[in-house]
Amino acid sequence: MLNAQLAVVPTPDDGDTSLIARATAGDLAAARELYDRHAARVYRLAFRMCGDRDLAGDLTQDVFVRVFRQLRQFRGEAAFTTWLHRVAVTTCLNTLRKVKRFRGREVELDNAHEHSVGAPDRDPVLHAALTTAIEALPDTLRIALVMHAIEGYTHVEIATALGIAEGTSKSRVFEARAKLREMLASHGKEYHNE
C-alpha cells in the first residue's frame, strides 16, 4: 500500500514522468499540463517543416492525438521530449507527403515574417532570401537544419528523432549550410560569416 502511494506522489525532479503516469491513469489535468508544456515547441517544429500556420496548428493537434493514444507504449528508454519529437517529425513528414500529392506545397512567403522570431532590425531582403532558400532545400536537409540551427536540438536528439546516425545529422546540417551559402552568395558576405 505504501509503495502505491509513493508512486502517485510527484517529486520535484521527475518532470514529465509523473505527468505521464497520471495521464495514462486517466488524469485529464495531467494530460493537459503535458500538452501545455510541449505544444509550443511542437508547433514551432511543425511550422518550420510545413511553412503554413494553419497546417502547423493541425499538425500539432495530430501529434498530440497520436501521443496520447500511444502514451502507454512510451517505455522511458529515452527522454519523453525525444520520443515526442520523433512522433512530431514522423507525423509532419507523413502529412506533408499527403499534402504534396494532392495540391503541392503552398507557402506564402509574404506572410512568413509574421511567424519569425528575431531581431526587428534584420534586413528584410536578406530574411526573405534566406526563407526562400531554406524552403528550397530538400526535406532531409531542411529538417535537420531547422531542428539544429533554429530549434536548438543537438545532433544526438536529431538522430534519435529522425532515426538516423548522429554523423548523418551533422553532415546534413553541414550540407544544408553549404547549399544556403551558394544560394545566398549574391547577398554579400554578411551571411557567409554565420
C-alpha atoms as a PDB file:
ATOM      1  CA  MET A   1       0.000   0.000   0.000  1.00  0.00           C
ATOM      2  CA  LEU A   2       2.808   2.426   0.882  1.00  0.00           C
ATOM      3  CA  ASN A   3       4.581   1.728  -2.444  1.00  0.00           C
ATOM      4  CA  ALA A   4       1.403   2.523  -4.365  1.00  0.00           C
ATOM      5  CA  GLN A   5       1.075   5.845  -2.555  1.00  0.00           C
ATOM      6  CA  LEU A   6       4.704   6.748  -3.202  1.00  0.00           C
ATOM      7  CA  ALA A   7       4.329   6.048  -6.917  1.00  0.00           C
ATOM      8  CA  VAL A   8       1.489   8.591  -7.187  1.00  0.00           C
ATOM      9  CA  VAL A   9       3.175  11.423  -5.301  1.00  0.00           C
ATOM     10  CA  PRO A  10       5.206  13.520  -7.772  1.00  0.00           C
ATOM     11  CA  THR A  11       8.693  14.536  -6.839  1.00  0.00           C
ATOM     12  CA  PRO A  12      10.195  17.844  -7.943  1.00  0.00           C
ATOM     13  CA  ASP A  13      12.782  16.202 -10.166  1.00  0.00           C
ATOM     14  CA  ASP A  14      10.604  13.756 -12.105  1.00  0.00           C
ATOM     15  CA  GLY A  15       9.232  16.349 -14.567  1.00  0.00           C
ATOM     16  CA  ASP A  16       7.275  14.651 -17.288  1.00  0.00           C
ATOM     17  CA  THR A  17       7.472  11.194 -15.710  1.00  0.00           C
ATOM     18  CA  SER A  18       4.834  11.968 -13.099  1.00  0.00           C
ATOM     19  CA  LEU A  19       2.581  13.647 -15.658  1.00  0.00           C
ATOM     20  CA  ILE A  20       2.880  10.669 -17.998  1.00  0.00           C
ATOM     21  CA  ALA A  21       1.967   8.242 -15.212  1.00  0.00           C
ATOM     22  CA  ARG A  22      -1.016  10.350 -14.196  1.00  0.00           C
ATOM     23  CA  ALA A  23      -2.152  10.905 -17.794  1.00  0.00           C
ATOM     24  CA  THR A  24      -2.037   7.185 -18.590  1.00  0.00           C
ATOM     25  CA  ALA A  25      -4.126   6.614 -15.455  1.00  0.00           C
ATOM     26  CA  GLY A  26      -6.788   8.925 -16.889  1.00  0.00           C
ATOM     27  CA  ASP A  27      -5.912  12.219 -15.199  1.00  0.00           C
ATOM     28  CA  LEU A  28      -7.049  14.830 -17.740  1.00  0.00           C
ATOM     29  CA  ALA A  29      -5.368  17.678 -15.855  1.00  0.00           C
ATOM     30  CA  ALA A  30      -2.016  15.886 -16.145  1.00  0.00           C
ATOM     31  CA  ALA A  31      -2.604  15.302 -19.863  1.00  0.00           C
ATOM     32  CA  ARG A  32      -3.418  18.990 -20.299  1.00  0.00           C
ATOM     33  CA  GLU A  33      -0.270  20.008 -18.411  1.00  0.00           C
ATOM     34  CA  LEU A  34       1.818  17.683 -20.580  1.00  0.00           C
ATOM     35  CA  TYR A  35       0.266  19.290 -23.659  1.00  0.00           C
ATOM     36  CA  ASP A  36       0.828  22.817 -22.324  1.00  0.00           C
ATOM     37  CA  ARG A  37       4.487  22.061 -21.578  1.00  0.00           C
ATOM     38  CA  HIS A  38       5.298  20.851 -25.072  1.00  0.00           C
ATOM     39  CA  ALA A  39       2.737  22.238 -27.548  1.00  0.00           C
ATOM     40  CA  ALA A  40       4.626  25.432 -28.403  1.00  0.00           C
ATOM     41  CA  ARG A  41       7.815  23.583 -29.334  1.00  0.00           C
ATOM     42  CA  VAL A  42       5.891  21.025 -31.394  1.00  0.00           C
ATOM     43  CA  TYR A  43       4.063  23.866 -33.146  1.00  0.00           C
ATOM     44  CA  ARG A  44       7.339  25.660 -33.965  1.00  0.00           C
ATOM     45  CA  LEU A  45       8.796  22.459 -35.375  1.00  0.00           C
ATOM     46  CA  ALA A  46       5.649  21.793 -37.425  1.00  0.00           C
ATOM     47  CA  PHE A  47       5.584  25.359 -38.726  1.00  0.00           C
ATOM     48  CA  ARG A  48       9.239  25.252 -39.721  1.00  0.00           C
ATOM     49  CA  MET A  49       8.628  21.984 -41.548  1.00  0.00           C
ATOM     50  CA  CYS A  50       5.454  23.000 -43.393  1.00  0.00           C
ATOM     51  CA  GLY A  51       5.602  26.809 -43.601  1.00  0.00           C
ATOM     52  CA  ASP A  52       1.862  27.195 -43.035  1.00  0.00           C
ATOM     53  CA  ARG A  53       0.375  28.491 -39.777  1.00  0.00           C
ATOM     54  CA  ASP A  54      -2.957  26.677 -40.097  1.00  0.00           C
ATOM     55  CA  LEU A  55      -1.391  23.400 -41.156  1.00  0.00           C
ATOM     56  CA  ALA A  56       1.132  23.668 -38.305  1.00  0.00           C
ATOM     57  CA  GLY A  57      -1.774  24.045 -35.850  1.00  0.00           C
ATOM     58  CA  ASP A  58      -3.476  20.998 -37.329  1.00  0.00           C
ATOM     59  CA  LEU A  59      -0.222  19.044 -37.225  1.00  0.00           C
ATOM     60  CA  THR A  60       0.307  19.974 -33.582  1.00  0.00           C
ATOM     61  CA  GLN A  61      -3.129  18.613 -32.735  1.00  0.00           C
ATOM     62  CA  ASP A  62      -2.469  15.454 -34.780  1.00  0.00           C
ATOM     63  CA  VAL A  63       0.823  14.922 -32.972  1.00  0.00           C
ATOM     64  CA  PHE A  64      -0.788  15.115 -29.548  1.00  0.00           C
ATOM     65  CA  VAL A  65      -3.704  12.882 -30.570  1.00  0.00           C
ATOM     66  CA  ARG A  66      -1.143  10.289 -31.601  1.00  0.00           C
ATOM     67  CA  VAL A  67       0.977  10.871 -28.474  1.00  0.00           C
ATOM     68  CA  PHE A  68      -1.955  10.394 -26.109  1.00  0.00           C
ATOM     69  CA  ARG A  69      -3.114   7.284 -27.979  1.00  0.00           C
ATOM     70  CA  GLN A  70       0.378   5.789 -27.724  1.00  0.00           C
ATOM     71  CA  LEU A  71       1.364   7.149 -24.312  1.00  0.00           C
ATOM     72  CA  ARG A  72       1.090   3.716 -22.668  1.00  0.00           C
ATOM     73  CA  GLN A  73       3.661   2.458 -25.164  1.00  0.00           C
ATOM     74  CA  PHE A  74       6.245   5.031 -24.036  1.00  0.00           C
ATOM     75  CA  ARG A  75       8.837   2.924 -22.221  1.00  0.00           C
ATOM     76  CA  GLY A  76      11.037   5.695 -20.900  1.00  0.00           C
ATOM     77  CA  GLU A  77      14.185   4.370 -22.574  1.00  0.00           C
ATOM     78  CA  ALA A  78      14.786   7.888 -23.898  1.00  0.00           C
ATOM     79  CA  ALA A  79      13.594  11.259 -22.676  1.00  0.00           C
ATOM     80  CA  PHE A  80       9.909  11.960 -23.247  1.00  0.00           C
ATOM     81  CA  THR A  81      10.810  15.011 -25.336  1.00  0.00           C
ATOM     82  CA  THR A  82      12.919  12.860 -27.651  1.00  0.00           C
ATOM     83  CA  TRP A  83      10.037  10.422 -28.138  1.00  0.00           C
ATOM     84  CA  LEU A  84       7.545  13.278 -28.569  1.00  0.00           C
ATOM     85  CA  HIS A  85       9.651  14.989 -31.206  1.00  0.00           C
ATOM     86  CA  ARG A  86      10.143  11.755 -33.089  1.00  0.00           C
ATOM     87  CA  VAL A  87       6.351  11.382 -33.203  1.00  0.00           C
ATOM     88  CA  ALA A  88       6.102  15.016 -34.310  1.00  0.00           C
ATOM     89  CA  VAL A  89       8.621  14.657 -37.138  1.00  0.00           C
ATOM     90  CA  THR A  90       7.024  11.427 -38.355  1.00  0.00           C
ATOM     91  CA  THR A  91       3.530  12.930 -38.245  1.00  0.00           C
ATOM     92  CA  CYS A  92       4.660  16.056 -40.060  1.00  0.00           C
ATOM     93  CA  LEU A  93       6.533  14.157 -42.763  1.00  0.00           C
ATOM     94  CA  ASN A  94       3.630  11.787 -43.394  1.00  0.00           C
ATOM     95  CA  THR A  95       1.159  14.652 -43.629  1.00  0.00           C
ATOM     96  CA  LEU A  96       3.418  16.705 -45.891  1.00  0.00           C
ATOM     97  CA  ARG A  97       3.761  13.761 -48.268  1.00  0.00           C
ATOM     98  CA  LYS A  98      -0.029  13.529 -48.470  1.00  0.00           C
ATOM     99  CA  VAL A  99      -0.426  17.279 -48.942  1.00  0.00           C
ATOM    100  CA  LYS A 100       2.171  17.349 -51.714  1.00  0.00           C
ATOM    101  CA  ARG A 101       0.416  14.536 -53.525  1.00  0.00           C
ATOM    102  CA  PHE A 102      -2.890  16.377 -53.628  1.00  0.00           C
ATOM    103  CA  ARG A 103      -2.056  20.032 -54.072  1.00  0.00           C
ATOM    104  CA  GLY A 104       1.668  20.605 -53.934  1.00  0.00           C
ATOM    105  CA  ARG A 105       3.306  22.668 -51.287  1.00  0.00           C
ATOM    106  CA  GLU A 106       1.919  26.170 -50.821  1.00  0.00           C
ATOM    107  CA  VAL A 107       3.847  28.677 -48.753  1.00  0.00           C
ATOM    108  CA  GLU A 108       3.038  32.355 -48.607  1.00  0.00           C
ATOM    109  CA  LEU A 109       6.457  33.857 -48.065  1.00  0.00           C
ATOM    110  CA  ASP A 110       4.973  37.362 -47.871  1.00  0.00           C
ATOM    111  CA  ASN A 111       3.414  36.389 -44.536  1.00  0.00           C
ATOM    112  CA  ALA A 112       6.392  34.422 -43.199  1.00  0.00           C
ATOM    113  CA  HIS A 113       7.720  37.450 -41.299  1.00  0.00           C
ATOM    114  CA  GLU A 114       4.654  37.271 -39.003  1.00  0.00           C
ATOM    115  CA  HIS A 115       5.837  33.913 -37.686  1.00  0.00           C
ATOM    116  CA  SER A 116       9.536  34.503 -37.385  1.00  0.00           C
ATOM    117  CA  VAL A 117      11.322  35.233 -34.183  1.00  0.00           C
ATOM    118  CA  GLY A 118      14.289  37.514 -34.428  1.00  0.00           C
ATOM    119  CA  ALA A 119      15.668  40.973 -34.240  1.00  0.00           C
ATOM    120  CA  PRO A 120      13.409  43.681 -35.665  1.00  0.00           C
ATOM    121  CA  ASP A 121      16.390  45.339 -37.371  1.00  0.00           C
ATOM    122  CA  ARG A 122      17.006  42.302 -39.575  1.00  0.00           C
ATOM    123  CA  ASP A 123      17.457  43.075 -43.270  1.00  0.00           C
ATOM    124  CA  PRO A 124      14.061  42.154 -44.789  1.00  0.00           C
ATOM    125  CA  VAL A 125      15.538  41.381 -48.222  1.00  0.00           C
ATOM    126  CA  LEU A 126      18.115  39.016 -46.756  1.00  0.00           C
ATOM    127  CA  HIS A 127      15.484  37.492 -44.473  1.00  0.00           C
ATOM    128  CA  ALA A 128      13.143  36.846 -47.421  1.00  0.00           C
ATOM    129  CA  ALA A 129      16.004  35.355 -49.442  1.00  0.00           C
ATOM    130  CA  LEU A 130      17.010  33.131 -46.524  1.00  0.00           C
ATOM    131  CA  THR A 131      13.425  31.954 -46.037  1.00  0.00           C
ATOM    132  CA  THR A 132      13.140  31.144 -49.735  1.00  0.00           C
ATOM    133  CA  ALA A 133      16.493  29.333 -49.701  1.00  0.00           C
ATOM    134  CA  ILE A 134      15.573  27.245 -46.653  1.00  0.00           C
ATOM    135  CA  GLU A 135      12.265  26.289 -48.264  1.00  0.00           C
ATOM    136  CA  ALA A 136      14.121  25.217 -51.425  1.00  0.00           C
ATOM    137  CA  LEU A 137      16.315  22.738 -49.547  1.00  0.00           C
ATOM    138  CA  PRO A 138      15.467  19.037 -49.860  1.00  0.00           C
ATOM    139  CA  ASP A 139      13.319  17.819 -46.947  1.00  0.00           C
ATOM    140  CA  THR A 140      16.109  15.795 -45.341  1.00  0.00           C
ATOM    141  CA  LEU A 141      18.474  18.770 -45.250  1.00  0.00           C
ATOM    142  CA  ARG A 142      15.827  21.359 -44.313  1.00  0.00           C
ATOM    143  CA  ILE A 143      14.503  19.320 -41.379  1.00  0.00           C
ATOM    144  CA  ALA A 144      17.965  18.681 -39.914  1.00  0.00           C
ATOM    145  CA  LEU A 145      18.936  22.346 -40.350  1.00  0.00           C
ATOM    146  CA  VAL A 146      15.712  23.672 -38.814  1.00  0.00           C
ATOM    147  CA  MET A 147      15.914  21.286 -35.866  1.00  0.00           C
ATOM    148  CA  HIS A 148      19.573  22.137 -35.174  1.00  0.00           C
ATOM    149  CA  ALA A 149      20.063  25.790 -36.129  1.00  0.00           C
ATOM    150  CA  ILE A 150      16.612  27.190 -35.398  1.00  0.00           C
ATOM    151  CA  GLU A 151      15.048  24.939 -32.770  1.00  0.00           C
ATOM    152  CA  GLY A 152      18.292  24.179 -30.924  1.00  0.00           C
ATOM    153  CA  TYR A 153      18.247  20.377 -30.954  1.00  0.00           C
ATOM    154  CA  THR A 154      21.542  18.579 -30.501  1.00  0.00           C
ATOM    155  CA  HIS A 155      22.725  16.170 -33.170  1.00  0.00           C
ATOM    156  CA  VAL A 156      22.048  13.284 -30.784  1.00  0.00           C
ATOM    157  CA  GLU A 157      18.425  14.449 -30.353  1.00  0.00           C
ATOM    158  CA  ILE A 158      18.006  14.893 -34.103  1.00  0.00           C
ATOM    159  CA  ALA A 159      19.458  11.467 -34.775  1.00  0.00           C
ATOM    160  CA  THR A 160      17.074   9.874 -32.295  1.00  0.00           C
ATOM    161  CA  ALA A 161      14.046  11.801 -33.560  1.00  0.00           C
ATOM    162  CA  LEU A 162      14.722  11.048 -37.226  1.00  0.00           C
ATOM    163  CA  GLY A 163      16.080   7.529 -36.766  1.00  0.00           C
ATOM    164  CA  ILE A 164      19.465   8.361 -38.320  1.00  0.00           C
ATOM    165  CA  ALA A 165      23.058   8.297 -37.119  1.00  0.00           C
ATOM    166  CA  GLU A 166      24.470  11.313 -35.287  1.00  0.00           C
ATOM    167  CA  GLY A 167      27.072  11.729 -38.035  1.00  0.00           C
ATOM    168  CA  THR A 168      24.311  11.795 -40.640  1.00  0.00           C
ATOM    169  CA  SER A 169      22.644  14.637 -38.764  1.00  0.00           C
ATOM    170  CA  LYS A 170      25.915  16.575 -38.706  1.00  0.00           C
ATOM    171  CA  SER A 171      26.549  16.015 -42.392  1.00  0.00           C
ATOM    172  CA  ARG A 172      23.001  17.061 -43.325  1.00  0.00           C
ATOM    173  CA  VAL A 173      23.321  20.315 -41.378  1.00  0.00           C
ATOM    174  CA  PHE A 174      26.746  20.939 -42.929  1.00  0.00           C
ATOM    175  CA  GLU A 175      25.411  20.253 -46.434  1.00  0.00           C
ATOM    176  CA  ALA A 176      22.342  22.444 -45.836  1.00  0.00           C
ATOM    177  CA  ARG A 177      24.539  25.355 -44.729  1.00  0.00           C
ATOM    178  CA  ALA A 178      26.800  24.908 -47.762  1.00  0.00           C
ATOM    179  CA  LYS A 179      23.786  24.992 -50.083  1.00  0.00           C
ATOM    180  CA  LEU A 180      22.445  28.093 -48.329  1.00  0.00           C
ATOM    181  CA  ARG A 181      25.810  29.834 -48.777  1.00  0.00           C
ATOM    182  CA  GLU A 182      25.678  29.072 -52.508  1.00  0.00           C
ATOM    183  CA  MET A 183      22.081  30.274 -52.845  1.00  0.00           C
ATOM    184  CA  LEU A 184      22.741  33.454 -50.860  1.00  0.00           C
ATOM    185  CA  ALA A 185      26.117  34.332 -52.377  1.00  0.00           C
ATOM    186  CA  SER A 186      24.592  37.288 -54.210  1.00  0.00           C
ATOM    187  CA  HIS A 187      23.554  38.872 -50.886  1.00  0.00           C
ATOM    188  CA  GLY A 188      27.092  39.708 -49.834  1.00  0.00           C
ATOM    189  CA  LYS A 189      29.495  38.413 -47.267  1.00  0.00           C
ATOM    190  CA  GLU A 190      27.333  39.188 -44.196  1.00  0.00           C
ATOM    191  CA  TYR A 191      25.654  35.800 -44.471  1.00  0.00           C
ATOM    192  CA  HIS A 192      28.899  33.923 -45.022  1.00  0.00           C
ATOM    193  CA  ASN A 193      30.128  34.875 -41.561  1.00  0.00           C
ATOM    194  CA  GLU A 194      27.457  32.746 -39.850  1.00  0.00           C
END
